[in-house]
Amino acid sequence: MSSEEKGRASYLDLLINTLMEHEKNLDKLIERLERIYENIQEFYERREEVETPEKPILKEEEKVQPSEKDALIYMKLKLGRKTEDLIRIIEALKE
């Protein structure tokens, strides 16, 4: 193996390792985002229960289908926003 081939192999190894680390970091960030979304959703549901104790009964066509409920949306949000702003953003995406 010539020195040029060794250099290419080293570069490819570095590139592969870098991409693997980025993938791991992205997976961790997505998991954190999922947990944050679940916490916001739980907080919002609790807030609704306190504000409106009687929930209206939804018609069949208004109920969320399981496939829609299990969808994951990846988005980037600025930290430091108010919880109400995050809830409005997420609600707007549902529509």
N, C-alpha and C. Protein backbone atom coordinates (compact mmCIF):
# COMPACT_ATOMS: atom_id res chain seq x y z
N MET A 1 0.86 -1.17 0.00
CA MET A 1 0.00 0.00 0.00
C MET A 1 0.90 1.24 0.00
N SER A 2 0.68 2.12 -0.96
CA SER A 2 1.51 3.31 -1.05
C SER A 2 1.11 4.32 0.02
N SER A 3 1.93 5.34 0.18
CA SER A 3 1.63 6.36 1.20
C SER A 3 0.37 7.14 0.83
N GLU A 4 0.13 7.31 -0.48
CA GLU A 4 -1.09 8.01 -0.92
C GLU A 4 -2.33 7.20 -0.56
N GLU A 5 -2.28 5.89 -0.75
CA GLU A 5 -3.40 5.02 -0.41
C GLU A 5 -3.63 4.99 1.09
N LYS A 6 -2.53 4.99 1.87
CA LYS A 6 -2.65 5.03 3.32
C LYS A 6 -3.30 6.33 3.77
N GLY A 7 -2.93 7.42 3.12
CA GLY A 7 -3.52 8.72 3.44
C GLY A 7 -5.01 8.74 3.16
N ARG A 8 -5.41 8.17 2.03
CA ARG A 8 -6.84 8.10 1.70
C ARG A 8 -7.59 7.23 2.69
N ALA A 9 -6.99 6.10 3.04
CA ALA A 9 -7.63 5.20 4.00
C ALA A 9 -7.78 5.89 5.36
N SER A 10 -6.76 6.61 5.77
CA SER A 10 -6.83 7.34 7.05
C SER A 10 -7.92 8.40 6.99
N TYR A 11 -8.00 9.12 5.88
CA TYR A 11 -9.04 10.15 5.71
C TYR A 11 -10.43 9.52 5.76
N LEU A 12 -10.61 8.40 5.08
CA LEU A 12 -11.92 7.73 5.08
C LEU A 12 -12.28 7.23 6.47
N ASP A 13 -11.30 6.71 7.20
CA ASP A 13 -11.55 6.28 8.58
C ASP A 13 -12.00 7.45 9.44
N LEU A 14 -11.30 8.58 9.30
CA LEU A 14 -11.66 9.78 10.06
C LEU A 14 -13.07 10.24 9.70
N LEU A 15 -13.38 10.25 8.41
CA LEU A 15 -14.70 10.67 7.95
C LEU A 15 -15.79 9.75 8.50
N ILE A 16 -15.56 8.46 8.44
CA ILE A 16 -16.55 7.49 8.93
C ILE A 16 -16.76 7.67 10.43
N ASN A 17 -15.67 7.80 11.18
CA ASN A 17 -15.79 7.98 12.63
C ASN A 17 -16.52 9.28 12.98
N THR A 18 -16.23 10.33 12.24
CA THR A 18 -16.90 11.62 12.48
C THR A 18 -18.39 11.51 12.21
N LEU A 19 -18.75 10.87 11.11
CA LEU A 19 -20.16 10.71 10.78
C LEU A 19 -20.88 9.83 11.80
N MET A 20 -20.20 8.81 12.30
CA MET A 20 -20.82 7.95 13.32
C MET A 20 -21.06 8.75 14.60
N GLU A 21 -20.12 9.59 14.99
CA GLU A 21 -20.30 10.42 16.18
C GLU A 21 -21.45 11.41 16.00
N HIS A 22 -21.53 12.01 14.81
CA HIS A 22 -22.64 12.93 14.53
C HIS A 22 -23.98 12.20 14.60
N GLU A 23 -24.03 10.99 14.08
CA GLU A 23 -25.27 10.21 14.13
C GLU A 23 -25.67 9.90 15.57
N LYS A 24 -24.70 9.53 16.40
CA LYS A 24 -24.98 9.26 17.80
C LYS A 24 -25.51 10.52 18.50
N ASN A 25 -24.85 11.64 18.24
CA ASN A 25 -25.29 12.90 18.84
C ASN A 25 -26.69 13.28 18.38
N LEU A 26 -26.97 13.08 17.11
CA LEU A 26 -28.30 13.39 16.59
C LEU A 26 -29.35 12.49 17.24
N ASP A 27 -29.04 11.22 17.42
CA ASP A 27 -29.98 10.31 18.09
C ASP A 27 -30.27 10.78 19.51
N LYS A 28 -29.22 11.18 20.23
CA LYS A 28 -29.42 11.67 21.59
C LYS A 28 -30.29 12.93 21.61
N LEU A 29 -30.03 13.83 20.67
CA LEU A 29 -30.83 15.06 20.61
C LEU A 29 -32.29 14.77 20.28
N ILE A 30 -32.52 13.84 19.38
CA ILE A 30 -33.89 13.48 19.02
C ILE A 30 -34.60 12.86 20.21
N GLU A 31 -33.91 12.01 20.96
CA GLU A 31 -34.51 11.41 22.16
C GLU A 31 -34.86 12.49 23.17
N ARG A 32 -33.97 13.46 23.36
CA ARG A 32 -34.26 14.56 24.29
C ARG A 32 -35.46 15.36 23.81
N LEU A 33 -35.53 15.61 22.52
CA LEU A 33 -36.65 16.36 21.96
C LEU A 33 -37.96 15.61 22.16
N GLU A 34 -37.93 14.29 21.99
CA GLU A 34 -39.14 13.48 22.21
C GLU A 34 -39.60 13.61 23.66
N ARG A 35 -38.64 13.53 24.61
CA ARG A 35 -39.01 13.65 26.03
C ARG A 35 -39.56 15.05 26.33
N ILE A 36 -38.95 16.07 25.76
CA ILE A 36 -39.42 17.44 25.98
C ILE A 36 -40.83 17.59 25.42
N TYR A 37 -41.05 17.06 24.22
CA TYR A 37 -42.38 17.14 23.62
C TYR A 37 -43.42 16.43 24.50
N GLU A 38 -43.07 15.24 25.00
CA GLU A 38 -44.01 14.52 25.87
C GLU A 38 -44.30 15.31 27.14
N ASN A 39 -43.27 15.94 27.71
CA ASN A 39 -43.48 16.75 28.91
C ASN A 39 -44.36 17.96 28.63
N ILE A 40 -44.14 18.60 27.50
CA ILE A 40 -44.96 19.76 27.14
C ILE A 40 -46.40 19.32 26.92
N GLN A 41 -46.56 18.20 26.23
CA GLN A 41 -47.91 17.70 25.96
C GLN A 41 -48.62 17.36 27.28
N GLU A 42 -47.92 16.72 28.20
CA GLU A 42 -48.50 16.37 29.50
C GLU A 42 -48.85 17.65 30.28
N PHE A 43 -47.95 18.62 30.26
CA PHE A 43 -48.21 19.89 30.93
C PHE A 43 -49.44 20.58 30.34
N TYR A 44 -49.53 20.58 29.02
CA TYR A 44 -50.65 21.23 28.35
C TYR A 44 -51.96 20.53 28.69
N GLU A 45 -51.95 19.19 28.72
CA GLU A 45 -53.16 18.44 29.06
C GLU A 45 -53.59 18.73 30.49
N ARG A 46 -52.63 18.80 31.40
CA ARG A 46 -52.96 19.12 32.79
C ARG A 46 -53.53 20.54 32.90
N ARG A 47 -52.95 21.44 32.15
CA ARG A 47 -53.43 22.83 32.17
C ARG A 47 -54.86 22.90 31.65
N GLU A 48 -55.15 22.15 30.59
CA GLU A 48 -56.51 22.13 30.06
C GLU A 48 -57.50 21.59 31.09
N GLU A 49 -57.11 20.54 31.82
CA GLU A 49 -57.99 19.96 32.83
C GLU A 49 -58.30 20.96 33.92
N VAL A 50 -57.33 21.76 34.30
CA VAL A 50 -57.54 22.76 35.34
C VAL A 50 -58.43 23.89 34.83
N GLU A 51 -58.18 24.33 33.59
CA GLU A 51 -58.95 25.45 33.03
C GLU A 51 -60.36 25.03 32.62
N THR A 52 -60.51 23.86 32.02
CA THR A 52 -61.81 23.39 31.56
C THR A 52 -62.03 21.97 32.08
N PRO A 53 -62.67 21.84 33.24
CA PRO A 53 -62.85 20.50 33.80
C PRO A 53 -63.73 19.59 32.94
N GLU A 54 -64.68 20.15 32.21
CA GLU A 54 -65.55 19.32 31.36
C GLU A 54 -65.04 19.38 29.93
N LYS A 55 -64.58 18.24 29.45
CA LYS A 55 -64.11 18.17 28.07
C LYS A 55 -65.27 17.79 27.16
N PRO A 56 -65.39 18.44 26.01
CA PRO A 56 -66.45 18.06 25.08
C PRO A 56 -66.15 16.70 24.46
N ILE A 57 -67.19 15.96 24.16
CA ILE A 57 -67.03 14.65 23.54
C ILE A 57 -66.80 14.86 22.05
N LEU A 58 -65.73 14.26 21.53
CA LEU A 58 -65.38 14.42 20.13
C LEU A 58 -66.19 13.48 19.26
N LYS A 59 -66.54 13.97 18.09
CA LYS A 59 -67.20 13.12 17.10
C LYS A 59 -66.16 12.17 16.53
N GLU A 60 -66.62 11.11 15.90
CA GLU A 60 -65.71 10.10 15.35
C GLU A 60 -64.71 10.71 14.36
N GLU A 61 -65.15 11.63 13.49
CA GLU A 61 -64.24 12.19 12.50
C GLU A 61 -63.23 13.16 13.12
N GLU A 62 -63.51 13.65 14.35
CA GLU A 62 -62.59 14.58 15.00
C GLU A 62 -61.53 13.86 15.83
N LYS A 63 -61.73 12.59 16.12
CA LYS A 63 -60.77 11.85 16.93
C LYS A 63 -59.48 11.63 16.15
N VAL A 64 -58.36 11.69 16.85
CA VAL A 64 -57.07 11.49 16.22
C VAL A 64 -56.83 10.01 16.01
N GLN A 65 -56.45 9.66 14.81
CA GLN A 65 -56.16 8.27 14.48
C GLN A 65 -54.82 7.89 15.09
N PRO A 66 -54.63 6.62 15.50
CA PRO A 66 -53.37 6.21 16.11
C PRO A 66 -52.15 6.49 15.25
N SER A 67 -52.26 6.34 13.93
CA SER A 67 -51.11 6.59 13.08
C SER A 67 -50.70 8.06 13.12
N GLU A 68 -51.66 8.98 13.23
CA GLU A 68 -51.36 10.39 13.33
C GLU A 68 -50.78 10.73 14.70
N LYS A 69 -51.24 10.04 15.72
CA LYS A 69 -50.82 10.32 17.08
C LYS A 69 -49.37 9.90 17.32
N ASP A 70 -48.91 8.87 16.62
CA ASP A 70 -47.58 8.35 16.83
C ASP A 70 -46.51 9.01 15.95
N ALA A 71 -46.87 10.01 15.19
CA ALA A 71 -45.92 10.65 14.29
C ALA A 71 -44.91 11.48 15.08
N LEU A 72 -43.67 11.47 14.63
CA LEU A 72 -42.60 12.26 15.24
C LEU A 72 -42.22 13.37 14.27
N ILE A 73 -42.23 14.58 14.78
CA ILE A 73 -41.84 15.72 13.97
C ILE A 73 -40.55 16.25 14.56
N TYR A 74 -39.52 16.37 13.74
CA TYR A 74 -38.25 16.90 14.20
C TYR A 74 -38.21 18.38 13.86
N MET A 75 -38.00 19.20 14.88
CA MET A 75 -37.89 20.63 14.62
C MET A 75 -36.92 21.24 15.61
N LYS A 76 -36.42 22.39 15.26
CA LYS A 76 -35.45 23.08 16.10
C LYS A 76 -36.13 24.32 16.68
N LEU A 77 -36.10 24.43 18.01
CA LEU A 77 -36.72 25.56 18.69
C LEU A 77 -35.68 26.28 19.51
N LYS A 78 -35.80 27.60 19.58
CA LYS A 78 -34.90 28.36 20.42
C LYS A 78 -35.24 28.12 21.88
N LEU A 79 -34.22 27.93 22.69
CA LEU A 79 -34.43 27.77 24.12
C LEU A 79 -34.72 29.14 24.71
N GLY A 80 -35.38 29.13 25.84
CA GLY A 80 -35.69 30.39 26.51
C GLY A 80 -37.05 30.94 26.14
N ARG A 81 -37.78 30.23 25.32
CA ARG A 81 -39.13 30.67 24.98
C ARG A 81 -40.08 30.32 26.12
N LYS A 82 -41.17 31.03 26.18
CA LYS A 82 -42.19 30.72 27.17
C LYS A 82 -42.88 29.42 26.78
N THR A 83 -43.35 28.71 27.77
CA THR A 83 -44.04 27.44 27.53
C THR A 83 -45.26 27.65 26.66
N GLU A 84 -45.96 28.74 26.88
CA GLU A 84 -47.17 29.02 26.09
C GLU A 84 -46.82 29.18 24.61
N ASP A 85 -45.67 29.82 24.32
CA ASP A 85 -45.25 29.98 22.93
C ASP A 85 -44.95 28.64 22.29
N LEU A 86 -44.26 27.77 23.03
CA LEU A 86 -43.96 26.43 22.50
C LEU A 86 -45.23 25.64 22.24
N ILE A 87 -46.19 25.77 23.15
CA ILE A 87 -47.46 25.06 22.99
C ILE A 87 -48.18 25.57 21.75
N ARG A 88 -48.18 26.90 21.55
CA ARG A 88 -48.84 27.46 20.35
C ARG A 88 -48.17 26.97 19.07
N ILE A 89 -46.85 26.87 19.09
CA ILE A 89 -46.13 26.39 17.90
C ILE A 89 -46.52 24.95 17.60
N ILE A 90 -46.52 24.12 18.63
CA ILE A 90 -46.85 22.71 18.44
C ILE A 90 -48.30 22.55 18.01
N GLU A 91 -49.20 23.31 18.61
CA GLU A 91 -50.61 23.24 18.21
C GLU A 91 -50.78 23.68 16.75
N ALA A 92 -50.03 24.69 16.33
CA ALA A 92 -50.14 25.14 14.94
C ALA A 92 -49.67 24.06 13.99
N LEU A 93 -48.69 23.27 14.40
CA LEU A 93 -48.20 22.19 13.54
C LEU A 93 -49.21 21.05 13.43
N LYS A 94 -50.04 20.88 14.44
CA LYS A 94 -51.04 19.81 14.40
C LYS A 94 -52.12 20.08 13.37
N GLU A 95 -52.37 21.34 13.08
CA GLU A 95 -53.46 21.71 12.15
C GLU A 95 -53.13 21.45 10.73
